[in-house]
Amino acid sequence: MTSTEMTAETMGIKMKNTFLLLLVIVIFALSACGGGQAAAPAPEEPPLVVDLTVPAAYFESKDDGLQPGDDLADYIVENDFLDAHWNSDGSLTITMTLLRFESFKENMIKNTEQALVDLVDDDTFPFVLGFEATTEFKIVTILVDRAGFESGGAKSAFLPVLVGVTVGMYRGFVGEDEYYSVIIADAVTGEKIEGMNFPIEEVK
């Protein structure tokens, strides 16, 4: 096996591990109540709910655990979901309460930030020195040692894709619009070296 093939295989494993970091489970229970001093209480309104679709790619990245077609009865009960069902493309749609969704979103933000911290600490990408992100990860800037990045070969080419997949998992799960950007910038000068918009296209 060539060094390039080994690098590709290593980075593929890193991507799978990133996927695994990214699934967190949540739910919401919100009910309205009312009533005056002598009035009968208003009827309870049904809780606000959120449908969350887990991409098929998540399950493809796992060697064990839940797989498309598995029975979901116990899964729904164990995770306190309102409902869950498989879709024809292998994705999983989960129905949860809004309050739980908000908790889910908070955890997803923490996990996405941690995935980016882990990237900085990962010896696979020694030229990565830090990162910056706007609200909802609309723009993520990876700060690098320019000389190391420009001589990084396949690792450098793979870096914005890996970050894009990591951020895309968060944005897709919480229902943010699909368009976001990953910028590679010189950690010393702040100058943009290159970048990608997602869906993938070269940043002008």
C-alpha atoms as a PDB file:
ATOM      1  CA  MET A   1       0.000   0.000   0.000  1.00  0.00           C
ATOM      2  CA  THR A   2       1.399   3.411  -0.955  1.00  0.00           C
ATOM      3  CA  SER A   3       1.715   6.296   1.518  1.00  0.00           C
ATOM      4  CA  THR A   4      -1.052   8.124  -0.386  1.00  0.00           C
ATOM      5  CA  GLU A   5      -3.383   5.154   0.014  1.00  0.00           C
ATOM      6  CA  MET A   6      -2.528   4.930   3.723  1.00  0.00           C
ATOM      7  CA  THR A   7      -3.269   8.628   4.142  1.00  0.00           C
ATOM      8  CA  ALA A   8      -6.630   8.280   2.382  1.00  0.00           C
ATOM      9  CA  GLU A   9      -7.537   5.300   4.522  1.00  0.00           C
ATOM     10  CA  THR A  10      -6.528   7.120   7.718  1.00  0.00           C
ATOM     11  CA  MET A  11      -8.555  10.180   6.754  1.00  0.00           C
ATOM     12  CA  GLY A  12     -11.547   7.993   5.908  1.00  0.00           C
ATOM     13  CA  ILE A  13     -11.426   6.553   9.425  1.00  0.00           C
ATOM     14  CA  LYS A  14     -11.157  10.087  10.832  1.00  0.00           C
ATOM     15  CA  MET A  15     -14.300  11.087   8.923  1.00  0.00           C
ATOM     16  CA  LYS A  16     -16.210   8.079  10.276  1.00  0.00           C
ATOM     17  CA  ASN A  17     -15.114   8.942  13.800  1.00  0.00           C
ATOM     18  CA  THR A  18     -16.252  12.502  13.246  1.00  0.00           C
ATOM     19  CA  PHE A  19     -19.671  11.237  12.162  1.00  0.00           C
ATOM     20  CA  LEU A  20     -19.902   9.177  15.332  1.00  0.00           C
ATOM     21  CA  LEU A  21     -19.148  12.227  17.456  1.00  0.00           C
ATOM     22  CA  LEU A  22     -21.973  14.060  15.867  1.00  0.00           C
ATOM     23  CA  LEU A  23     -25.264  12.204  16.738  1.00  0.00           C
ATOM     24  CA  VAL A  24     -26.926  13.404  19.983  1.00  0.00           C
ATOM     25  CA  ILE A  25     -30.552  12.552  20.949  1.00  0.00           C
ATOM     26  CA  VAL A  26     -33.197  15.062  22.216  1.00  0.00           C
ATOM     27  CA  ILE A  27     -36.867  15.768  22.841  1.00  0.00           C
ATOM     28  CA  PHE A  28     -39.348  18.406  23.943  1.00  0.00           C
ATOM     29  CA  ALA A  29     -42.370  18.590  26.203  1.00  0.00           C
ATOM     30  CA  LEU A  30     -44.235  21.855  26.206  1.00  0.00           C
ATOM     31  CA  SER A  31     -47.809  22.178  27.275  1.00  0.00           C
ATOM     32  CA  ALA A  32     -49.924  25.237  27.754  1.00  0.00           C
ATOM     33  CA  CYS A  33     -52.245  25.702  30.673  1.00  0.00           C
ATOM     34  CA  GLY A  34     -54.557  28.506  31.546  1.00  0.00           C
ATOM     35  CA  GLY A  35     -57.447  29.551  33.647  1.00  0.00           C
ATOM     36  CA  GLY A  36     -58.756  32.526  35.546  1.00  0.00           C
ATOM     37  CA  GLN A  37     -59.756  32.865  39.134  1.00  0.00           C
ATOM     38  CA  ALA A  38     -63.166  31.275  38.684  1.00  0.00           C
ATOM     39  CA  ALA A  39     -62.950  30.031  35.117  1.00  0.00           C
ATOM     40  CA  ALA A  40     -62.563  26.435  34.083  1.00  0.00           C
ATOM     41  CA  PRO A  41     -59.024  25.617  32.900  1.00  0.00           C
ATOM     42  CA  ALA A  42     -58.478  25.868  29.167  1.00  0.00           C
ATOM     43  CA  PRO A  43     -58.011  22.562  27.394  1.00  0.00           C
ATOM     44  CA  GLU A  44     -54.415  21.438  27.062  1.00  0.00           C
ATOM     45  CA  GLU A  45     -52.910  22.140  23.677  1.00  0.00           C
ATOM     46  CA  PRO A  46     -50.834  19.436  22.023  1.00  0.00           C
ATOM     47  CA  PRO A  47     -47.075  19.891  22.489  1.00  0.00           C
ATOM     48  CA  LEU A  48     -45.109  21.627  19.764  1.00  0.00           C
ATOM     49  CA  VAL A  49     -43.066  19.061  17.911  1.00  0.00           C
ATOM     50  CA  VAL A  50     -40.037  18.946  15.633  1.00  0.00           C
ATOM     51  CA  ASP A  51     -39.235  16.385  12.944  1.00  0.00           C
ATOM     52  CA  LEU A  52     -35.526  15.655  12.736  1.00  0.00           C
ATOM     53  CA  THR A  53     -34.095  13.578   9.870  1.00  0.00           C
ATOM     54  CA  VAL A  54     -30.839  11.711  10.450  1.00  0.00           C
ATOM     55  CA  PRO A  55     -29.028  11.273   7.091  1.00  0.00           C
ATOM     56  CA  ALA A  56     -28.464   7.757   5.774  1.00  0.00           C
ATOM     57  CA  ALA A  57     -24.730   8.561   5.680  1.00  0.00           C
ATOM     58  CA  TYR A  58     -24.646   8.490   9.472  1.00  0.00           C
ATOM     59  CA  PHE A  59     -25.731   4.868   9.598  1.00  0.00           C
ATOM     60  CA  GLU A  60     -23.416   3.956   6.730  1.00  0.00           C
ATOM     61  CA  SER A  61     -20.511   5.257   8.823  1.00  0.00           C
ATOM     62  CA  LYS A  62     -21.306   2.893  11.702  1.00  0.00           C
ATOM     63  CA  ASP A  63     -20.220  -0.727  11.926  1.00  0.00           C
ATOM     64  CA  ASP A  64     -22.749  -1.551  14.623  1.00  0.00           C
ATOM     65  CA  GLY A  65     -25.793  -0.070  16.337  1.00  0.00           C
ATOM     66  CA  LEU A  66     -29.025   0.982  14.673  1.00  0.00           C
ATOM     67  CA  GLN A  67     -29.252   0.187  10.966  1.00  0.00           C
ATOM     68  CA  PRO A  68     -31.902   1.017   8.329  1.00  0.00           C
ATOM     69  CA  GLY A  69     -34.842  -1.367   8.582  1.00  0.00           C
ATOM     70  CA  ASP A  70     -34.342  -2.182  12.266  1.00  0.00           C
ATOM     71  CA  ASP A  71     -37.438  -2.169  14.460  1.00  0.00           C
ATOM     72  CA  LEU A  72     -37.745   1.185  16.214  1.00  0.00           C
ATOM     73  CA  ALA A  73     -40.246   0.435  18.995  1.00  0.00           C
ATOM     74  CA  ASP A  74     -37.641   0.076  21.758  1.00  0.00           C
ATOM     75  CA  TYR A  75     -35.522   2.885  20.284  1.00  0.00           C
ATOM     76  CA  ILE A  76     -38.444   5.314  20.560  1.00  0.00           C
ATOM     77  CA  VAL A  77     -39.168   4.368  24.173  1.00  0.00           C
ATOM     78  CA  GLU A  78     -35.523   4.324  25.309  1.00  0.00           C
ATOM     79  CA  ASN A  79     -34.853   7.767  23.865  1.00  0.00           C
ATOM     80  CA  ASP A  80     -38.189   9.297  24.854  1.00  0.00           C
ATOM     81  CA  PHE A  81     -39.100  10.152  21.276  1.00  0.00           C
ATOM     82  CA  LEU A  82     -42.661  10.745  20.151  1.00  0.00           C
ATOM     83  CA  ASP A  83     -42.155   8.750  16.959  1.00  0.00           C
ATOM     84  CA  ALA A  84     -39.485   7.553  14.530  1.00  0.00           C
ATOM     85  CA  HIS A  85     -39.579   5.912  11.126  1.00  0.00           C
ATOM     86  CA  TRP A  86     -37.220   4.860   8.350  1.00  0.00           C
ATOM     87  CA  ASN A  87     -37.390   6.588   4.974  1.00  0.00           C
ATOM     88  CA  SER A  88     -36.902   4.941   1.601  1.00  0.00           C
ATOM     89  CA  ASP A  89     -33.420   6.493   1.206  1.00  0.00           C
ATOM     90  CA  GLY A  90     -32.190   4.947   4.474  1.00  0.00           C
ATOM     91  CA  SER A  91     -32.514   8.127   6.526  1.00  0.00           C
ATOM     92  CA  LEU A  92     -34.345   8.166   9.849  1.00  0.00           C
ATOM     93  CA  THR A  93     -36.998  10.749  10.752  1.00  0.00           C
ATOM     94  CA  ILE A  94     -37.479  11.310  14.475  1.00  0.00           C
ATOM     95  CA  THR A  95     -40.372  13.290  15.952  1.00  0.00           C
ATOM     96  CA  MET A  96     -39.602  15.006  19.237  1.00  0.00           C
ATOM     97  CA  THR A  97     -40.904  17.819  21.383  1.00  0.00           C
ATOM     98  CA  LEU A  98     -39.543  21.320  20.857  1.00  0.00           C
ATOM     99  CA  LEU A  99     -38.055  21.622  24.338  1.00  0.00           C
ATOM    100  CA  ARG A 100     -36.049  18.461  23.781  1.00  0.00           C
ATOM    101  CA  PHE A 101     -34.988  19.697  20.349  1.00  0.00           C
ATOM    102  CA  GLU A 102     -33.551  22.828  21.926  1.00  0.00           C
ATOM    103  CA  SER A 103     -31.524  20.636  24.271  1.00  0.00           C
ATOM    104  CA  PHE A 104     -30.440  18.554  21.288  1.00  0.00           C
ATOM    105  CA  LYS A 105     -29.290  21.654  19.413  1.00  0.00           C
ATOM    106  CA  GLU A 106     -27.236  22.842  22.371  1.00  0.00           C
ATOM    107  CA  ASN A 107     -25.526  19.459  22.609  1.00  0.00           C
ATOM    108  CA  MET A 108     -24.907  19.379  18.861  1.00  0.00           C
ATOM    109  CA  ILE A 109     -23.178  22.777  19.052  1.00  0.00           C
ATOM    110  CA  LYS A 110     -20.931  21.492  21.841  1.00  0.00           C
ATOM    111  CA  ASN A 111     -20.116  18.305  19.936  1.00  0.00           C
ATOM    112  CA  THR A 112     -19.360  20.186  16.719  1.00  0.00           C
ATOM    113  CA  GLU A 113     -17.078  22.595  18.561  1.00  0.00           C
ATOM    114  CA  GLN A 114     -15.360  19.636  20.226  1.00  0.00           C
ATOM    115  CA  ALA A 115     -14.869  17.948  16.856  1.00  0.00           C
ATOM    116  CA  LEU A 116     -13.101  21.091  15.622  1.00  0.00           C
ATOM    117  CA  VAL A 117     -10.968  21.231  18.781  1.00  0.00           C
ATOM    118  CA  ASP A 118     -10.037  17.583  18.217  1.00  0.00           C
ATOM    119  CA  LEU A 119      -9.038  18.471  14.655  1.00  0.00           C
ATOM    120  CA  VAL A 120      -6.631  21.109  15.960  1.00  0.00           C
ATOM    121  CA  ASP A 121      -5.111  18.523  18.312  1.00  0.00           C
ATOM    122  CA  ASP A 122      -4.992  15.773  15.665  1.00  0.00           C
ATOM    123  CA  ASP A 123      -1.486  14.798  14.554  1.00  0.00           C
ATOM    124  CA  THR A 124      -2.927  13.914  11.134  1.00  0.00           C
ATOM    125  CA  PHE A 125      -3.130  17.661  10.426  1.00  0.00           C
ATOM    126  CA  PRO A 126      -0.085  19.152  12.219  1.00  0.00           C
ATOM    127  CA  PHE A 127      -0.402  22.402  10.276  1.00  0.00           C
ATOM    128  CA  VAL A 128      -3.851  23.185  11.773  1.00  0.00           C
ATOM    129  CA  LEU A 129      -3.384  25.716  14.582  1.00  0.00           C
ATOM    130  CA  GLY A 130      -6.905  26.852  15.442  1.00  0.00           C
ATOM    131  CA  PHE A 131     -10.359  27.738  14.175  1.00  0.00           C
ATOM    132  CA  GLU A 132     -13.000  30.460  14.267  1.00  0.00           C
ATOM    133  CA  ALA A 133     -16.729  30.057  13.632  1.00  0.00           C
ATOM    134  CA  THR A 134     -19.683  32.386  13.211  1.00  0.00           C
ATOM    135  CA  THR A 135     -23.126  31.729  14.689  1.00  0.00           C
ATOM    136  CA  GLU A 136     -24.591  28.388  13.578  1.00  0.00           C
ATOM    137  CA  PHE A 137     -21.243  27.627  11.886  1.00  0.00           C
ATOM    138  CA  LYS A 138     -22.296  29.604   8.825  1.00  0.00           C
ATOM    139  CA  ILE A 139     -18.628  30.406   8.195  1.00  0.00           C
ATOM    140  CA  VAL A 140     -15.865  28.271   9.699  1.00  0.00           C
ATOM    141  CA  THR A 141     -12.289  29.480   9.354  1.00  0.00           C
ATOM    142  CA  ILE A 142      -9.473  26.994   9.904  1.00  0.00           C
ATOM    143  CA  LEU A 143      -6.232  28.732  10.885  1.00  0.00           C
ATOM    144  CA  VAL A 144      -3.119  27.001   9.565  1.00  0.00           C
ATOM    145  CA  ASP A 145       0.620  27.249   9.304  1.00  0.00           C
ATOM    146  CA  ARG A 146       0.764  28.340   5.693  1.00  0.00           C
ATOM    147  CA  ALA A 147       3.992  26.574   4.744  1.00  0.00           C
ATOM    148  CA  GLY A 148       2.814  23.322   6.335  1.00  0.00           C
ATOM    149  CA  PHE A 149      -0.584  23.525   4.664  1.00  0.00           C
ATOM    150  CA  GLU A 150       0.818  24.276   1.221  1.00  0.00           C
ATOM    151  CA  SER A 151       3.144  21.274   1.468  1.00  0.00           C
ATOM    152  CA  GLY A 152       0.510  19.006   3.000  1.00  0.00           C
ATOM    153  CA  GLY A 153      -0.577  17.325  -0.223  1.00  0.00           C
ATOM    154  CA  ALA A 154      -3.623  15.060   0.119  1.00  0.00           C
ATOM    155  CA  LYS A 155      -4.114  16.013   3.762  1.00  0.00           C
ATOM    156  CA  SER A 156      -4.468  19.680   2.859  1.00  0.00           C
ATOM    157  CA  ALA A 157      -6.871  18.880   0.032  1.00  0.00           C
ATOM    158  CA  PHE A 158      -9.000  16.762   2.349  1.00  0.00           C
ATOM    159  CA  LEU A 159      -9.106  19.256   5.234  1.00  0.00           C
ATOM    160  CA  PRO A 160     -11.896  21.613   4.015  1.00  0.00           C
ATOM    161  CA  VAL A 161     -14.019  18.624   3.005  1.00  0.00           C
ATOM    162  CA  LEU A 162     -13.652  17.041   6.447  1.00  0.00           C
ATOM    163  CA  VAL A 163     -14.574  20.299   8.165  1.00  0.00           C
ATOM    164  CA  GLY A 164     -17.480  20.763   5.755  1.00  0.00           C
ATOM    165  CA  VAL A 165     -18.859  17.317   6.548  1.00  0.00           C
ATOM    166  CA  THR A 166     -18.514  17.933  10.294  1.00  0.00           C
ATOM    167  CA  VAL A 167     -20.313  21.266  10.140  1.00  0.00           C
ATOM    168  CA  GLY A 168     -22.840  19.942   7.630  1.00  0.00           C
ATOM    169  CA  MET A 169     -23.938  17.232  10.041  1.00  0.00           C
ATOM    170  CA  TYR A 170     -24.822  19.898  12.618  1.00  0.00           C
ATOM    171  CA  ARG A 171     -26.559  22.217  10.149  1.00  0.00           C
ATOM    172  CA  GLY A 172     -28.510  19.390   8.563  1.00  0.00           C
ATOM    173  CA  PHE A 173     -29.619  17.940  11.878  1.00  0.00           C
ATOM    174  CA  VAL A 174     -30.893  21.219  13.310  1.00  0.00           C
ATOM    175  CA  GLY A 175     -32.571  22.349  10.088  1.00  0.00           C
ATOM    176  CA  GLU A 176     -30.316  25.261   9.157  1.00  0.00           C
ATOM    177  CA  ASP A 177     -30.146  26.201   5.471  1.00  0.00           C
ATOM    178  CA  GLU A 178     -27.621  24.124   3.569  1.00  0.00           C
ATOM    179  CA  TYR A 179     -25.318  26.946   2.447  1.00  0.00           C
ATOM    180  CA  TYR A 180     -22.194  27.536   4.512  1.00  0.00           C
ATOM    181  CA  SER A 181     -18.483  28.109   3.950  1.00  0.00           C
ATOM    182  CA  VAL A 182     -15.169  26.671   5.116  1.00  0.00           C
ATOM    183  CA  ILE A 183     -12.186  29.007   4.803  1.00  0.00           C
ATOM    184  CA  ILE A 184      -8.522  28.045   5.178  1.00  0.00           C
ATOM    185  CA  ALA A 185      -6.540  31.064   6.420  1.00  0.00           C
ATOM    186  CA  ASP A 186      -2.988  31.897   7.419  1.00  0.00           C
ATOM    187  CA  ALA A 187      -2.871  31.848  11.233  1.00  0.00           C
ATOM    188  CA  VAL A 188      -0.295  34.672  11.299  1.00  0.00           C
ATOM    189  CA  THR A 189      -1.680  37.145   8.758  1.00  0.00           C
ATOM    190  CA  GLY A 190      -5.333  36.072   8.642  1.00  0.00           C
ATOM    191  CA  GLU A 191      -5.111  36.006   4.846  1.00  0.00           C
ATOM    192  CA  LYS A 192      -7.439  33.543   3.124  1.00  0.00           C
ATOM    193  CA  ILE A 193      -5.547  30.767   1.371  1.00  0.00           C
ATOM    194  CA  GLU A 194      -8.516  28.899  -0.073  1.00  0.00           C
ATOM    195  CA  GLY A 195     -11.993  27.786   0.787  1.00  0.00           C
ATOM    196  CA  MET A 196     -15.145  25.927  -0.158  1.00  0.00           C
ATOM    197  CA  ASN A 197     -18.836  26.728  -0.156  1.00  0.00           C
ATOM    198  CA  PHE A 198     -21.249  23.928   0.627  1.00  0.00           C
ATOM    199  CA  PRO A 199     -22.804  22.446  -1.421  1.00  0.00           C
ATOM    200  CA  ILE A 200     -19.251  22.183  -2.702  1.00  0.00           C
ATOM    201  CA  GLU A 201     -17.947  24.892  -4.995  1.00  0.00           C
ATOM    202  CA  GLU A 202     -14.786  26.926  -4.936  1.00  0.00           C
ATOM    203  CA  VAL A 203     -15.001  30.104  -2.872  1.00  0.00           C
ATOM    204  CA  LYS A 204     -14.545  33.090  -5.214  1.00  0.00           C
END
